[in-house]
Amino acid sequence: MVREVGERVRAALGPRLVAMYWFGSRSREQGRDESDYDLFLESATKLSAEERGRVVRISVDISGKNRVVMDVHYGTYEQLHGPHRFLTPLRETVMKEGVFV
């Protein structure tokens, strides 16, 4: 499932996608049956509503086929790595335990 998400999101966003990370209990192999799959998409610049819509359609399709919940988060390269990066628990979690897809 992770491979399929990666392939489809890369195809949908092309070079706009800088990196994609799985994080959370599933990436740590500590998830339970009801645990969601957390995904963080890093793009060069902020994704448009249309681009985000493409990702939502992919996540809903894959979630439905696999009977799981996927929680997708978005951020830019600058927000994660730049001098004025956001310092939030989400960013810290993604940077600490994120698995590059």
C-alpha atoms as a PDB file:
ATOM      1  CA  MET A   1       0.000   0.000   0.000  1.00  0.00           C
ATOM      2  CA  VAL A   2       2.791   2.453   0.871  1.00  0.00           C
ATOM      3  CA  ARG A   3       4.435   1.818  -2.490  1.00  0.00           C
ATOM      4  CA  GLU A   4       1.162   2.435  -4.337  1.00  0.00           C
ATOM      5  CA  VAL A   5       0.575   5.724  -2.532  1.00  0.00           C
ATOM      6  CA  GLY A   6       4.116   6.846  -3.322  1.00  0.00           C
ATOM      7  CA  GLU A   7       3.847   5.969  -7.006  1.00  0.00           C
ATOM      8  CA  ARG A   8       0.451   7.574  -7.487  1.00  0.00           C
ATOM      9  CA  VAL A   9       1.236  10.773  -5.583  1.00  0.00           C
ATOM     10  CA  ARG A  10       4.536  11.178  -7.475  1.00  0.00           C
ATOM     11  CA  ALA A  11       2.703  10.702 -10.769  1.00  0.00           C
ATOM     12  CA  ALA A  12       0.035  13.229  -9.753  1.00  0.00           C
ATOM     13  CA  LEU A  13       2.425  15.956  -8.539  1.00  0.00           C
ATOM     14  CA  GLY A  14       5.519  15.328 -10.642  1.00  0.00           C
ATOM     15  CA  PRO A  15       8.494  17.558  -9.866  1.00  0.00           C
ATOM     16  CA  ARG A  16       6.421  19.656  -7.445  1.00  0.00           C
ATOM     17  CA  LEU A  17       6.850  16.861  -4.900  1.00  0.00           C
ATOM     18  CA  VAL A  18      10.173  17.217  -3.081  1.00  0.00           C
ATOM     19  CA  ALA A  19       9.744  14.379  -0.582  1.00  0.00           C
ATOM     20  CA  MET A  20       7.150  12.161   1.005  1.00  0.00           C
ATOM     21  CA  TYR A  21       7.331  10.759   4.532  1.00  0.00           C
ATOM     22  CA  TRP A  22       5.356   8.170   6.475  1.00  0.00           C
ATOM     23  CA  PHE A  23       5.346   8.848  10.191  1.00  0.00           C
ATOM     24  CA  GLY A  24       3.420   7.919  13.312  1.00  0.00           C
ATOM     25  CA  SER A  25       2.658   4.597  14.914  1.00  0.00           C
ATOM     26  CA  ARG A  26       2.389   2.685  11.624  1.00  0.00           C
ATOM     27  CA  SER A  27       5.832   3.839  10.462  1.00  0.00           C
ATOM     28  CA  ARG A  28       7.255   2.764  13.829  1.00  0.00           C
ATOM     29  CA  GLU A  29       5.511  -0.610  13.458  1.00  0.00           C
ATOM     30  CA  GLN A  30       3.529   0.108  16.622  1.00  0.00           C
ATOM     31  CA  GLY A  31       0.155   0.680  14.960  1.00  0.00           C
ATOM     32  CA  ARG A  32      -2.960  -1.189  15.937  1.00  0.00           C
ATOM     33  CA  ASP A  33      -5.627  -2.391  13.511  1.00  0.00           C
ATOM     34  CA  GLU A  34      -7.524   0.883  13.905  1.00  0.00           C
ATOM     35  CA  SER A  35      -4.425   3.128  13.605  1.00  0.00           C
ATOM     36  CA  ASP A  36      -4.327   5.566  10.729  1.00  0.00           C
ATOM     37  CA  TYR A  37      -1.512   6.008   8.217  1.00  0.00           C
ATOM     38  CA  ASP A  38       0.146   9.419   8.539  1.00  0.00           C
ATOM     39  CA  LEU A  39       1.704  10.906   5.422  1.00  0.00           C
ATOM     40  CA  PHE A  40       3.557  14.203   5.014  1.00  0.00           C
ATOM     41  CA  LEU A  41       4.080  15.670   1.546  1.00  0.00           C
ATOM     42  CA  GLU A  42       6.877  18.182   1.109  1.00  0.00           C
ATOM     43  CA  SER A  43       6.589  20.368  -1.979  1.00  0.00           C
ATOM     44  CA  ALA A  44       8.803  23.061  -3.487  1.00  0.00           C
ATOM     45  CA  THR A  45       6.072  25.653  -2.984  1.00  0.00           C
ATOM     46  CA  LYS A  46       2.565  25.566  -1.570  1.00  0.00           C
ATOM     47  CA  LEU A  47       0.342  23.109  -3.428  1.00  0.00           C
ATOM     48  CA  SER A  48      -2.696  24.499  -5.211  1.00  0.00           C
ATOM     49  CA  ALA A  49      -6.221  23.453  -4.285  1.00  0.00           C
ATOM     50  CA  GLU A  50      -6.344  21.390  -7.478  1.00  0.00           C
ATOM     51  CA  GLU A  51      -3.095  19.577  -6.598  1.00  0.00           C
ATOM     52  CA  ARG A  52      -4.283  18.900  -3.070  1.00  0.00           C
ATOM     53  CA  GLY A  53      -7.545  17.606  -4.532  1.00  0.00           C
ATOM     54  CA  ARG A  54      -5.611  15.077  -6.625  1.00  0.00           C
ATOM     55  CA  VAL A  55      -3.855  13.829  -3.497  1.00  0.00           C
ATOM     56  CA  VAL A  56      -7.147  13.601  -1.586  1.00  0.00           C
ATOM     57  CA  ARG A  57      -8.712  11.516  -4.371  1.00  0.00           C
ATOM     58  CA  ILE A  58      -5.719   9.163  -4.317  1.00  0.00           C
ATOM     59  CA  SER A  59      -5.782   8.806  -0.525  1.00  0.00           C
ATOM     60  CA  VAL A  60      -9.550   8.205  -0.469  1.00  0.00           C
ATOM     61  CA  ASP A  61      -9.262   5.574  -3.209  1.00  0.00           C
ATOM     62  CA  ILE A  62      -6.409   3.699  -1.514  1.00  0.00           C
ATOM     63  CA  SER A  63      -7.959   4.069   1.945  1.00  0.00           C
ATOM     64  CA  GLY A  64     -11.228   2.613   0.695  1.00  0.00           C
ATOM     65  CA  LYS A  65      -9.594  -0.328  -1.063  1.00  0.00           C
ATOM     66  CA  ASN A  66      -7.527  -1.189   2.003  1.00  0.00           C
ATOM     67  CA  ARG A  67     -10.110  -0.237   4.644  1.00  0.00           C
ATOM     68  CA  VAL A  68      -7.740   2.082   6.456  1.00  0.00           C
ATOM     69  CA  VAL A  69      -7.658   5.780   7.296  1.00  0.00           C
ATOM     70  CA  MET A  70      -4.949   7.931   5.744  1.00  0.00           C
ATOM     71  CA  ASP A  71      -4.148  11.336   7.256  1.00  0.00           C
ATOM     72  CA  VAL A  72      -2.275  13.544   4.763  1.00  0.00           C
ATOM     73  CA  HIS A  73      -0.355  16.663   5.821  1.00  0.00           C
ATOM     74  CA  TYR A  74       1.312  19.218   3.557  1.00  0.00           C
ATOM     75  CA  GLY A  75       4.267  21.562   3.865  1.00  0.00           C
ATOM     76  CA  THR A  76       6.894  23.252   1.743  1.00  0.00           C
ATOM     77  CA  TYR A  77      10.619  22.738   1.704  1.00  0.00           C
ATOM     78  CA  GLU A  78      11.033  26.183   3.247  1.00  0.00           C
ATOM     79  CA  GLN A  79       8.626  25.348   6.071  1.00  0.00           C
ATOM     80  CA  LEU A  80      10.559  22.190   6.945  1.00  0.00           C
ATOM     81  CA  HIS A  81      14.161  23.195   6.328  1.00  0.00           C
ATOM     82  CA  GLY A  82      14.409  26.961   5.795  1.00  0.00           C
ATOM     83  CA  PRO A  83      15.684  29.545   8.255  1.00  0.00           C
ATOM     84  CA  HIS A  84      12.105  30.501   9.145  1.00  0.00           C
ATOM     85  CA  ARG A  85      10.824  26.906   9.333  1.00  0.00           C
ATOM     86  CA  PHE A  86       7.793  26.249  11.438  1.00  0.00           C
ATOM     87  CA  LEU A  87       8.585  24.762  14.819  1.00  0.00           C
ATOM     88  CA  THR A  88       5.619  22.584  15.648  1.00  0.00           C
ATOM     89  CA  PRO A  89       5.162  19.119  17.128  1.00  0.00           C
ATOM     90  CA  LEU A  90       4.121  17.904  13.649  1.00  0.00           C
ATOM     91  CA  ARG A  91       7.342  19.134  12.037  1.00  0.00           C
ATOM     92  CA  GLU A  92       9.441  17.699  14.836  1.00  0.00           C
ATOM     93  CA  THR A  93       7.721  14.307  14.544  1.00  0.00           C
ATOM     94  CA  VAL A  94       8.114  14.180  10.758  1.00  0.00           C
ATOM     95  CA  MET A  95      11.790  15.146  10.964  1.00  0.00           C
ATOM     96  CA  LYS A  96      12.522  12.734  13.832  1.00  0.00           C
ATOM     97  CA  GLU A  97      10.686   9.586  12.760  1.00  0.00           C
ATOM     98  CA  GLY A  98       9.562  10.147   9.179  1.00  0.00           C
ATOM     99  CA  VAL A  99      10.342   7.321   6.770  1.00  0.00           C
ATOM    100  CA  PHE A 100      11.181   8.612   3.304  1.00  0.00           C
ATOM    101  CA  VAL A 101       8.909   7.071   0.671  1.00  0.00           C
END
